[in-house]
């Protein structure tokens, strides 16, 4: 199975300006994700989708490919992640590249490891799943309203009911993602 790793890092963060280039323990946030992706053996190709020349330059320096610059209309505060991934896949398909699955790698999750990426890829392949989502246990002091539980069949549902704030999508052939905020 050919899996495309897409690192999404726009330049216009308002909450923490330039957050993808900010250092955490002496290393740029973006570099954590790139290093994990590069060491994952299940990813066929890794690209960086960005609108920002400085982030693109850092991506090249850290060893990842930037085959295009993301258009400004896909780098706004309210831009959902799905169109960003669709854009990346469309551009690569126009260049003759085809992938069976896409792995979303957001730099705001710097503690993700290559082992975890490979475990998700293998789960996707071995279970013939449409998608795989990484989750983490919630500490007791967090609001459980947005917590998910897993049924015996592996499906996720909101613990407290209500409409999910996350959109888990299955597009292209297969897609596995981390948590994608539904805006």
N, C-alpha and C. Protein backbone atom coordinates (compact mmCIF):
# COMPACT_ATOMS: atom_id res chain seq x y z
N UNK A 1 0.85 -1.17 0.00
CA UNK A 1 0.00 0.00 0.00
C UNK A 1 0.90 1.23 0.00
N UNK A 2 0.60 2.17 -0.89
CA UNK A 2 1.34 3.42 -0.95
C UNK A 2 0.66 4.46 -0.06
N UNK A 3 1.41 4.95 0.92
CA UNK A 3 0.86 5.91 1.88
C UNK A 3 1.64 7.22 1.77
N UNK A 4 0.88 8.29 1.57
CA UNK A 4 1.44 9.63 1.50
C UNK A 4 1.35 10.29 2.87
N UNK A 5 2.46 10.75 3.39
CA UNK A 5 2.48 11.54 4.62
C UNK A 5 2.43 13.01 4.26
N UNK A 6 1.43 13.72 4.77
CA UNK A 6 1.28 15.15 4.49
C UNK A 6 1.42 15.92 5.80
N UNK A 7 2.48 16.71 5.88
CA UNK A 7 2.69 17.57 7.03
C UNK A 7 2.08 18.93 6.69
N UNK A 8 1.14 19.37 7.51
CA UNK A 8 0.44 20.63 7.26
C UNK A 8 0.97 21.69 8.22
N UNK A 9 1.54 22.75 7.67
CA UNK A 9 2.13 23.80 8.50
C UNK A 9 1.97 25.15 7.82
N UNK A 10 0.92 25.86 8.18
CA UNK A 10 0.72 27.18 7.59
C UNK A 10 1.48 28.22 8.41
N UNK A 11 1.67 29.37 7.83
CA UNK A 11 2.46 30.40 8.49
C UNK A 11 1.67 31.35 9.37
N UNK A 12 0.36 31.40 9.25
CA UNK A 12 -0.43 32.44 9.89
C UNK A 12 -1.06 32.12 11.21
N UNK A 13 -0.42 31.38 12.06
CA UNK A 13 -1.01 31.07 13.36
C UNK A 13 -1.19 32.34 14.19
N UNK A 14 -2.39 32.50 14.75
CA UNK A 14 -2.67 33.68 15.56
C UNK A 14 -2.47 33.41 17.05
N UNK A 15 -2.82 32.20 17.50
CA UNK A 15 -2.70 31.88 18.92
C UNK A 15 -1.25 31.94 19.39
N UNK A 16 -0.37 31.29 18.66
CA UNK A 16 1.06 31.33 18.92
C UNK A 16 1.72 31.67 17.59
N UNK A 17 1.99 32.94 17.35
CA UNK A 17 2.56 33.34 16.06
C UNK A 17 3.83 32.56 15.71
N UNK A 18 3.88 32.08 14.46
CA UNK A 18 5.03 31.34 13.92
C UNK A 18 5.27 30.04 14.69
N UNK A 19 4.19 29.45 15.23
CA UNK A 19 4.33 28.30 16.13
C UNK A 19 5.07 27.12 15.50
N UNK A 20 4.91 26.89 14.22
CA UNK A 20 5.56 25.72 13.61
C UNK A 20 7.07 25.84 13.58
N UNK A 21 7.59 27.05 13.74
CA UNK A 21 9.04 27.27 13.77
C UNK A 21 9.55 27.52 15.19
N UNK A 22 8.63 27.65 16.15
CA UNK A 22 9.04 27.87 17.54
C UNK A 22 9.76 26.63 18.07
N UNK A 23 10.73 26.88 18.93
CA UNK A 23 11.48 25.76 19.49
C UNK A 23 10.82 25.23 20.76
N UNK A 24 10.87 23.93 20.87
CA UNK A 24 10.41 23.21 22.05
C UNK A 24 11.59 22.33 22.46
N UNK A 25 12.16 22.60 23.60
CA UNK A 25 13.34 21.86 24.08
C UNK A 25 14.46 21.88 23.04
N UNK A 26 14.68 23.05 22.43
CA UNK A 26 15.80 23.24 21.52
C UNK A 26 15.59 22.75 20.10
N UNK A 27 14.37 22.38 19.75
CA UNK A 27 14.09 21.86 18.41
C UNK A 27 12.78 22.47 17.93
N UNK A 28 12.75 22.91 16.66
CA UNK A 28 11.53 23.51 16.11
C UNK A 28 10.39 22.49 16.13
N UNK A 29 9.20 22.97 16.43
CA UNK A 29 8.02 22.12 16.47
C UNK A 29 7.89 21.32 15.17
N UNK A 30 8.11 21.97 14.04
CA UNK A 30 8.03 21.31 12.74
C UNK A 30 9.02 20.14 12.62
N UNK A 31 10.21 20.31 13.17
CA UNK A 31 11.24 19.27 13.04
C UNK A 31 10.85 17.97 13.75
N UNK A 32 10.14 18.06 14.86
CA UNK A 32 9.69 16.84 15.55
C UNK A 32 8.86 15.98 14.60
N UNK A 33 7.91 16.61 13.92
CA UNK A 33 7.03 15.87 13.01
C UNK A 33 7.80 15.34 11.81
N UNK A 34 8.68 16.14 11.25
CA UNK A 34 9.47 15.70 10.10
C UNK A 34 10.35 14.51 10.49
N UNK A 35 11.01 14.58 11.62
CA UNK A 35 11.88 13.48 12.06
C UNK A 35 11.09 12.18 12.23
N UNK A 36 9.92 12.28 12.86
CA UNK A 36 9.09 11.07 13.05
C UNK A 36 8.64 10.50 11.71
N UNK A 37 8.24 11.38 10.81
CA UNK A 37 7.77 10.93 9.50
C UNK A 37 8.90 10.28 8.70
N UNK A 38 10.08 10.87 8.72
CA UNK A 38 11.22 10.33 7.98
C UNK A 38 11.60 8.95 8.48
N UNK A 39 11.46 8.72 9.76
CA UNK A 39 11.84 7.43 10.34
C UNK A 39 10.72 6.38 10.29
N UNK A 40 9.54 6.78 9.86
CA UNK A 40 8.43 5.82 9.70
C UNK A 40 8.68 5.03 8.42
N UNK A 41 8.70 3.72 8.52
CA UNK A 41 9.00 2.89 7.34
C UNK A 41 7.79 2.66 6.45
N UNK A 42 6.59 2.95 6.94
CA UNK A 42 5.38 2.67 6.17
C UNK A 42 4.96 3.80 5.25
N UNK A 43 5.55 4.98 5.40
CA UNK A 43 5.19 6.10 4.54
C UNK A 43 5.99 6.03 3.24
N UNK A 44 5.29 6.05 2.13
CA UNK A 44 5.94 5.97 0.81
C UNK A 44 6.59 7.28 0.42
N UNK A 45 5.97 8.38 0.80
CA UNK A 45 6.50 9.71 0.51
C UNK A 45 6.00 10.66 1.58
N UNK A 46 6.80 11.66 1.89
CA UNK A 46 6.43 12.67 2.88
C UNK A 46 6.57 14.03 2.22
N UNK A 47 5.51 14.83 2.32
CA UNK A 47 5.56 16.19 1.79
C UNK A 47 5.12 17.18 2.85
N UNK A 48 5.53 18.42 2.66
CA UNK A 48 5.10 19.52 3.52
C UNK A 48 4.17 20.41 2.71
N UNK A 49 2.98 20.65 3.23
CA UNK A 49 2.04 21.58 2.61
C UNK A 49 2.06 22.87 3.43
N UNK A 50 2.58 23.93 2.83
CA UNK A 50 2.67 25.21 3.52
C UNK A 50 2.47 26.36 2.54
N UNK A 51 2.06 27.49 3.09
CA UNK A 51 1.93 28.72 2.31
C UNK A 51 3.08 29.66 2.60
N UNK A 52 3.96 29.28 3.50
CA UNK A 52 4.95 30.17 4.05
C UNK A 52 6.36 29.84 3.58
N UNK A 53 7.05 30.78 2.91
CA UNK A 53 8.40 30.50 2.41
C UNK A 53 9.40 30.13 3.51
N UNK A 54 9.30 30.73 4.68
CA UNK A 54 10.23 30.42 5.77
C UNK A 54 10.00 28.99 6.28
N UNK A 55 8.75 28.58 6.38
CA UNK A 55 8.45 27.20 6.79
C UNK A 55 8.92 26.23 5.71
N UNK A 56 8.71 26.59 4.45
CA UNK A 56 9.18 25.74 3.35
C UNK A 56 10.70 25.59 3.41
N UNK A 57 11.41 26.68 3.64
CA UNK A 57 12.87 26.63 3.75
C UNK A 57 13.30 25.72 4.89
N UNK A 58 12.62 25.84 6.03
CA UNK A 58 12.93 24.96 7.17
C UNK A 58 12.65 23.51 6.80
N UNK A 59 11.54 23.26 6.11
CA UNK A 59 11.21 21.90 5.69
C UNK A 59 12.31 21.29 4.83
N UNK A 60 12.78 22.05 3.85
CA UNK A 60 13.89 21.57 3.02
C UNK A 60 15.12 21.27 3.87
N UNK A 61 15.43 22.19 4.78
CA UNK A 61 16.60 22.03 5.66
C UNK A 61 16.48 20.76 6.51
N UNK A 62 15.27 20.46 6.95
CA UNK A 62 15.04 19.29 7.80
C UNK A 62 14.85 18.00 7.01
N UNK A 63 14.83 18.09 5.67
CA UNK A 63 14.84 16.90 4.85
C UNK A 63 13.52 16.43 4.27
N UNK A 64 12.55 17.31 4.17
CA UNK A 64 11.26 16.91 3.61
C UNK A 64 11.02 17.64 2.29
N UNK A 65 10.22 17.05 1.43
CA UNK A 65 9.93 17.59 0.11
C UNK A 65 8.76 18.57 0.17
N UNK A 66 8.88 19.66 -0.58
CA UNK A 66 7.80 20.64 -0.73
C UNK A 66 7.55 20.76 -2.23
N UNK A 67 6.66 19.91 -2.79
CA UNK A 67 6.46 19.89 -4.24
C UNK A 67 5.63 21.04 -4.77
N UNK A 68 5.02 21.84 -3.88
CA UNK A 68 4.19 22.99 -4.26
C UNK A 68 4.03 23.87 -3.03
N UNK A 69 3.64 25.10 -3.26
CA UNK A 69 3.28 26.00 -2.16
C UNK A 69 1.75 26.00 -2.08
N UNK A 70 1.25 25.93 -0.87
CA UNK A 70 -0.20 25.93 -0.66
C UNK A 70 -0.76 27.32 -0.99
N UNK A 71 -1.88 27.37 -1.73
CA UNK A 71 -2.48 28.67 -2.04
C UNK A 71 -3.03 29.34 -0.78
N UNK A 72 -3.02 30.67 -0.79
CA UNK A 72 -3.45 31.46 0.37
C UNK A 72 -4.86 31.11 0.82
N UNK A 73 -5.76 30.80 -0.13
CA UNK A 73 -7.14 30.48 0.26
C UNK A 73 -7.25 29.18 1.05
N UNK A 74 -6.19 28.35 1.05
CA UNK A 74 -6.17 27.11 1.84
C UNK A 74 -5.30 27.25 3.08
N UNK A 75 -5.01 28.49 3.46
CA UNK A 75 -4.15 28.72 4.63
C UNK A 75 -4.74 29.75 5.58
N UNK A 76 -6.06 29.88 5.55
CA UNK A 76 -6.74 30.83 6.43
C UNK A 76 -7.02 30.19 7.78
N UNK A 77 -7.35 31.03 8.76
CA UNK A 77 -7.68 30.54 10.10
C UNK A 77 -8.83 29.54 10.09
N UNK A 78 -9.79 29.75 9.20
CA UNK A 78 -10.99 28.92 9.20
C UNK A 78 -10.97 27.84 8.11
N UNK A 79 -9.82 27.59 7.51
CA UNK A 79 -9.74 26.57 6.47
C UNK A 79 -9.73 25.18 7.10
N UNK A 80 -10.70 24.34 6.76
CA UNK A 80 -10.68 22.97 7.27
C UNK A 80 -9.48 22.19 6.68
N UNK A 81 -9.10 21.12 7.31
CA UNK A 81 -7.95 20.33 6.88
C UNK A 81 -8.26 19.53 5.62
N UNK A 82 -9.47 19.05 5.47
CA UNK A 82 -9.80 18.20 4.33
C UNK A 82 -9.45 18.84 2.98
N UNK A 83 -9.85 20.10 2.71
CA UNK A 83 -9.48 20.69 1.42
C UNK A 83 -7.96 20.80 1.23
N UNK A 84 -7.23 20.97 2.31
CA UNK A 84 -5.76 21.04 2.23
C UNK A 84 -5.21 19.69 1.77
N UNK A 85 -5.73 18.61 2.33
CA UNK A 85 -5.29 17.26 1.93
C UNK A 85 -5.73 16.96 0.49
N UNK A 86 -6.95 17.33 0.16
CA UNK A 86 -7.44 17.10 -1.21
C UNK A 86 -6.58 17.85 -2.22
N UNK A 87 -6.19 19.06 -1.90
CA UNK A 87 -5.32 19.85 -2.77
C UNK A 87 -3.99 19.13 -2.99
N UNK A 88 -3.39 18.66 -1.91
CA UNK A 88 -2.10 17.96 -2.01
C UNK A 88 -2.21 16.72 -2.89
N UNK A 89 -3.24 15.93 -2.66
CA UNK A 89 -3.43 14.70 -3.45
C UNK A 89 -3.69 15.05 -4.92
N UNK A 90 -4.52 16.05 -5.15
CA UNK A 90 -4.83 16.45 -6.53
C UNK A 90 -3.57 16.89 -7.27
N UNK A 91 -2.74 17.71 -6.65
CA UNK A 91 -1.50 18.19 -7.28
C UNK A 91 -0.59 17.00 -7.61
N UNK A 92 -0.44 16.08 -6.68
CA UNK A 92 0.43 14.93 -6.92
C UNK A 92 -0.14 14.00 -7.98
N UNK A 93 -1.47 13.82 -7.99
CA UNK A 93 -2.09 12.99 -9.02
C UNK A 93 -1.89 13.61 -10.41
N UNK A 94 -1.94 14.94 -10.48
CA UNK A 94 -1.69 15.62 -11.76
C UNK A 94 -0.27 15.38 -12.25
N UNK A 95 0.64 15.08 -11.31
CA UNK A 95 2.03 14.77 -11.66
C UNK A 95 2.25 13.27 -11.87
N UNK A 96 1.14 12.50 -11.83
CA UNK A 96 1.21 11.06 -12.07
C UNK A 96 1.43 10.20 -10.85
N UNK A 97 1.38 10.79 -9.66
CA UNK A 97 1.57 10.03 -8.43
C UNK A 97 0.22 9.60 -7.88
N UNK A 98 0.10 8.34 -7.50
CA UNK A 98 -1.14 7.81 -6.91
C UNK A 98 -0.82 7.19 -5.55
N UNK A 99 -1.69 7.40 -4.61
CA UNK A 99 -1.53 6.86 -3.26
C UNK A 99 -2.82 6.18 -2.84
N UNK A 100 -2.68 5.18 -1.98
CA UNK A 100 -3.83 4.44 -1.47
C UNK A 100 -4.37 5.05 -0.18
N UNK A 101 -3.51 5.77 0.53
CA UNK A 101 -3.90 6.35 1.82
C UNK A 101 -3.09 7.61 2.06
N UNK A 102 -3.64 8.46 2.91
CA UNK A 102 -2.98 9.70 3.30
C UNK A 102 -2.88 9.72 4.82
N UNK A 103 -1.70 10.07 5.31
CA UNK A 103 -1.49 10.22 6.74
C UNK A 103 -1.28 11.68 7.04
N UNK A 104 -2.19 12.28 7.79
CA UNK A 104 -2.08 13.68 8.19
C UNK A 104 -1.12 13.76 9.37
N UNK A 105 -0.11 14.60 9.24
CA UNK A 105 0.89 14.78 10.29
C UNK A 105 0.94 16.26 10.65
N UNK A 106 0.31 16.61 11.76
CA UNK A 106 0.25 18.00 12.18
C UNK A 106 1.40 18.31 13.13
N UNK A 107 2.15 19.38 12.86
CA UNK A 107 3.28 19.72 13.72
C UNK A 107 2.90 20.02 15.16
N UNK A 108 1.64 20.30 15.42
CA UNK A 108 1.20 20.58 16.79
C UNK A 108 1.11 19.32 17.64
N UNK A 109 1.51 18.18 17.09
CA UNK A 109 1.61 16.94 17.86
C UNK A 109 3.07 16.48 17.82
N UNK A 110 3.95 17.17 18.55
CA UNK A 110 5.38 16.87 18.45
C UNK A 110 5.81 15.57 19.13
N UNK A 111 4.96 14.99 19.94
CA UNK A 111 5.36 13.78 20.67
C UNK A 111 5.03 12.49 19.93
N UNK A 112 4.43 12.59 18.75
CA UNK A 112 4.13 11.42 17.93
C UNK A 112 5.45 10.82 17.46
N UNK A 113 5.53 9.50 17.48
CA UNK A 113 6.77 8.82 17.08
C UNK A 113 6.59 8.09 15.76
N UNK A 114 7.70 7.73 15.16
CA UNK A 114 7.65 6.93 13.93
C UNK A 114 7.03 5.57 14.21
N UNK A 115 7.24 5.04 15.38
CA UNK A 115 6.64 3.75 15.76
C UNK A 115 5.12 3.87 15.77
N UNK A 116 4.59 4.98 16.26
CA UNK A 116 3.15 5.19 16.28
C UNK A 116 2.60 5.37 14.87
N UNK A 117 3.33 6.08 14.03
CA UNK A 117 2.90 6.23 12.64
C UNK A 117 2.82 4.86 11.97
N UNK A 118 3.86 4.05 12.15
CA UNK A 118 3.88 2.72 11.54
C UNK A 118 2.79 1.82 12.12
N UNK A 119 2.52 1.95 13.41
CA UNK A 119 1.46 1.14 14.02
C UNK A 119 0.10 1.50 13.42
N UNK A 120 -0.14 2.80 13.21
CA UNK A 120 -1.40 3.22 12.58
C UNK A 120 -1.48 2.71 11.15
N UNK A 121 -0.39 2.82 10.42
CA UNK A 121 -0.37 2.33 9.03
C UNK A 121 -0.67 0.84 8.99
N UNK A 122 -0.02 0.10 9.85
CA UNK A 122 -0.22 -1.35 9.87
C UNK A 122 -1.63 -1.72 10.29
N UNK A 123 -2.19 -0.99 11.23
CA UNK A 123 -3.58 -1.23 11.63
C UNK A 123 -4.52 -0.96 10.46
N UNK A 124 -4.29 0.13 9.75
CA UNK A 124 -5.11 0.47 8.59
C UNK A 124 -5.06 -0.65 7.55
N UNK A 125 -3.86 -1.14 7.28
CA UNK A 125 -3.67 -2.18 6.27
C UNK A 125 -4.22 -3.52 6.75
N UNK A 126 -3.84 -3.94 7.93
CA UNK A 126 -4.21 -5.27 8.42
C UNK A 126 -5.69 -5.42 8.75
N UNK A 127 -6.32 -4.34 9.19
CA UNK A 127 -7.75 -4.40 9.52
C UNK A 127 -8.62 -4.01 8.34
N UNK A 128 -7.98 -3.64 7.23
CA UNK A 128 -8.71 -3.17 6.05
C UNK A 128 -9.71 -2.07 6.45
N UNK A 129 -9.25 -1.18 7.30
CA UNK A 129 -10.09 -0.09 7.79
C UNK A 129 -10.14 1.04 6.77
N UNK A 130 -11.17 1.86 6.88
CA UNK A 130 -11.27 3.06 6.05
C UNK A 130 -10.45 4.20 6.64
N UNK A 131 -10.32 4.21 7.96
CA UNK A 131 -9.54 5.26 8.61
C UNK A 131 -9.06 4.77 9.97
N UNK A 132 -8.01 5.41 10.44
CA UNK A 132 -7.46 5.14 11.76
C UNK A 132 -7.22 6.50 12.39
N UNK A 133 -7.60 6.66 13.64
CA UNK A 133 -7.46 7.92 14.34
C UNK A 133 -6.65 7.67 15.61
N UNK A 134 -5.63 8.49 15.84
CA UNK A 134 -4.90 8.36 17.10
C UNK A 134 -5.65 9.12 18.18
N UNK A 135 -5.69 8.55 19.36
CA UNK A 135 -6.33 9.18 20.50
C UNK A 135 -5.43 9.01 21.71
N UNK A 136 -5.71 9.73 22.74
CA UNK A 136 -4.95 9.62 23.97
C UNK A 136 -5.91 9.66 25.15
N UNK A 137 -5.58 8.97 26.23
CA UNK A 137 -6.44 9.06 27.42
C UNK A 137 -6.51 10.50 27.92
N UNK A 138 -7.66 10.86 28.45
CA UNK A 138 -7.86 12.21 28.94
C UNK A 138 -7.61 12.24 30.45
N UNK A 139 -6.78 13.16 30.89
CA UNK A 139 -6.57 13.27 32.34
C UNK A 139 -7.88 13.63 33.05
N UNK A 140 -7.96 13.30 34.32
CA UNK A 140 -9.20 13.47 35.07
C UNK A 140 -9.67 14.91 35.13
N UNK A 141 -8.79 15.88 34.93
CA UNK A 141 -9.19 17.28 35.06
C UNK A 141 -9.66 17.91 33.75
N UNK A 142 -9.81 17.13 32.68
CA UNK A 142 -10.29 17.66 31.41
C UNK A 142 -11.79 17.40 31.26
N UNK A 143 -12.43 18.23 30.48
CA UNK A 143 -13.86 18.12 30.26
C UNK A 143 -14.19 16.87 29.45
N UNK A 144 -14.97 15.96 30.01
CA UNK A 144 -15.29 14.72 29.29
C UNK A 144 -16.31 14.89 28.16
N UNK A 145 -16.90 16.10 28.03
CA UNK A 145 -17.91 16.29 27.01
C UNK A 145 -17.36 15.99 25.62
N UNK A 146 -16.09 16.31 25.39
CA UNK A 146 -15.50 16.09 24.07
C UNK A 146 -14.62 14.83 24.05
N UNK A 147 -14.83 13.95 24.99
CA UNK A 147 -14.06 12.70 25.03
C UNK A 147 -14.77 11.63 24.20
N UNK A 148 -13.99 10.79 23.60
CA UNK A 148 -14.50 9.69 22.80
C UNK A 148 -14.28 8.38 23.54
N UNK A 149 -15.19 7.46 23.36
CA UNK A 149 -15.03 6.08 23.83
C UNK A 149 -15.03 5.18 22.61
N UNK A 150 -14.49 4.00 22.81
CA UNK A 150 -14.41 3.06 21.69
C UNK A 150 -15.34 1.89 21.97
N UNK A 151 -16.18 1.58 20.97
CA UNK A 151 -17.05 0.41 21.09
C UNK A 151 -16.23 -0.83 20.79
N UNK A 152 -16.82 -1.99 21.05
CA UNK A 152 -16.12 -3.26 20.80
C UNK A 152 -15.75 -3.43 19.34
N UNK A 153 -16.55 -2.85 18.43
CA UNK A 153 -16.25 -2.96 17.00
C UNK A 153 -15.17 -1.98 16.56
N UNK A 154 -14.66 -1.16 17.50
CA UNK A 154 -13.59 -0.23 17.19
C UNK A 154 -14.07 1.17 16.85
N UNK A 155 -15.36 1.37 16.64
CA UNK A 155 -15.88 2.69 16.29
C UNK A 155 -15.81 3.62 17.50
N UNK A 156 -15.63 4.91 17.23
CA UNK A 156 -15.58 5.91 18.29
C UNK A 156 -16.90 6.65 18.38
N UNK A 157 -17.28 7.03 19.59
CA UNK A 157 -18.47 7.84 19.79
C UNK A 157 -18.21 8.79 20.96
N UNK A 158 -18.94 9.92 20.97
CA UNK A 158 -18.78 10.88 22.04
C UNK A 158 -19.34 10.31 23.34
N UNK A 159 -18.57 10.39 24.40
CA UNK A 159 -18.98 9.85 25.69
C UNK A 159 -20.25 10.50 26.23
N UNK A 160 -20.36 11.81 26.04
CA UNK A 160 -21.46 12.55 26.62
C UNK A 160 -22.57 12.84 25.62
N UNK A 161 -22.50 12.26 24.45
CA UNK A 161 -23.51 12.51 23.43
C UNK A 161 -23.25 13.84 22.74
N UNK A 162 -24.17 14.27 21.93
CA UNK A 162 -24.02 15.54 21.24
C UNK A 162 -23.27 15.38 19.93
N UNK A 163 -23.20 16.49 19.20
CA UNK A 163 -22.54 16.49 17.90
C UNK A 163 -21.02 16.51 18.09
N UNK A 164 -20.33 15.70 17.34
CA UNK A 164 -18.88 15.61 17.43
C UNK A 164 -18.23 16.90 16.95
N UNK A 165 -17.17 17.33 17.64
CA UNK A 165 -16.40 18.48 17.16
C UNK A 165 -15.33 18.04 16.17
N UNK A 166 -15.22 16.76 15.92
CA UNK A 166 -14.24 16.25 14.99
C UNK A 166 -14.92 15.57 13.82
N UNK A 167 -14.35 15.74 12.69
CA UNK A 167 -14.84 15.11 11.49
C UNK A 167 -13.81 14.07 11.07
N UNK A 168 -14.18 12.82 11.09
CA UNK A 168 -13.30 11.75 10.64
C UNK A 168 -13.79 11.37 9.25
N UNK A 169 -12.96 11.55 8.27
CA UNK A 169 -13.40 11.41 6.89
C UNK A 169 -12.73 10.23 6.22
N UNK A 170 -13.41 9.70 5.24
CA UNK A 170 -12.85 8.66 4.41
C UNK A 170 -13.02 9.13 2.97
N UNK A 171 -11.95 9.66 2.40
CA UNK A 171 -12.00 10.11 1.03
C UNK A 171 -10.80 9.50 0.32
N UNK A 172 -10.64 9.80 -0.93
CA UNK A 172 -9.65 9.15 -1.76
C UNK A 172 -9.96 7.65 -1.69
N UNK A 173 -8.97 6.80 -1.54
CA UNK A 173 -9.24 5.38 -1.37
C UNK A 173 -9.39 5.08 0.12
N UNK A 174 -8.39 5.47 0.87
CA UNK A 174 -8.43 5.33 2.32
C UNK A 174 -7.72 6.53 2.88
N UNK A 175 -8.05 6.90 4.09
CA UNK A 175 -7.43 8.06 4.70
C UNK A 175 -7.35 7.81 6.18
N UNK A 176 -6.16 7.95 6.75
CA UNK A 176 -6.11 7.90 8.19
C UNK A 176 -5.56 9.21 8.70
N UNK A 177 -6.15 9.67 9.76
CA UNK A 177 -5.85 11.01 10.22
C UNK A 177 -5.71 11.01 11.73
N UNK A 178 -5.15 12.08 12.22
CA UNK A 178 -5.19 12.34 13.64
C UNK A 178 -6.51 13.05 13.87
N UNK A 179 -6.69 13.72 14.93
CA UNK A 179 -7.93 14.43 15.15
C UNK A 179 -7.93 15.69 14.27
N UNK A 180 -8.95 15.83 13.46
CA UNK A 180 -9.09 16.98 12.57
C UNK A 180 -10.23 17.83 13.09
N UNK A 181 -9.95 19.05 13.56
CA UNK A 181 -11.04 19.88 14.04
C UNK A 181 -12.05 20.16 12.94
N UNK A 182 -13.31 19.98 13.26
CA UNK A 182 -14.39 20.26 12.30
C UNK A 182 -14.80 21.71 12.51
N UNK A 183 -14.45 22.53 11.54
CA UNK A 183 -14.68 23.97 11.68
C UNK A 183 -15.95 24.35 10.95
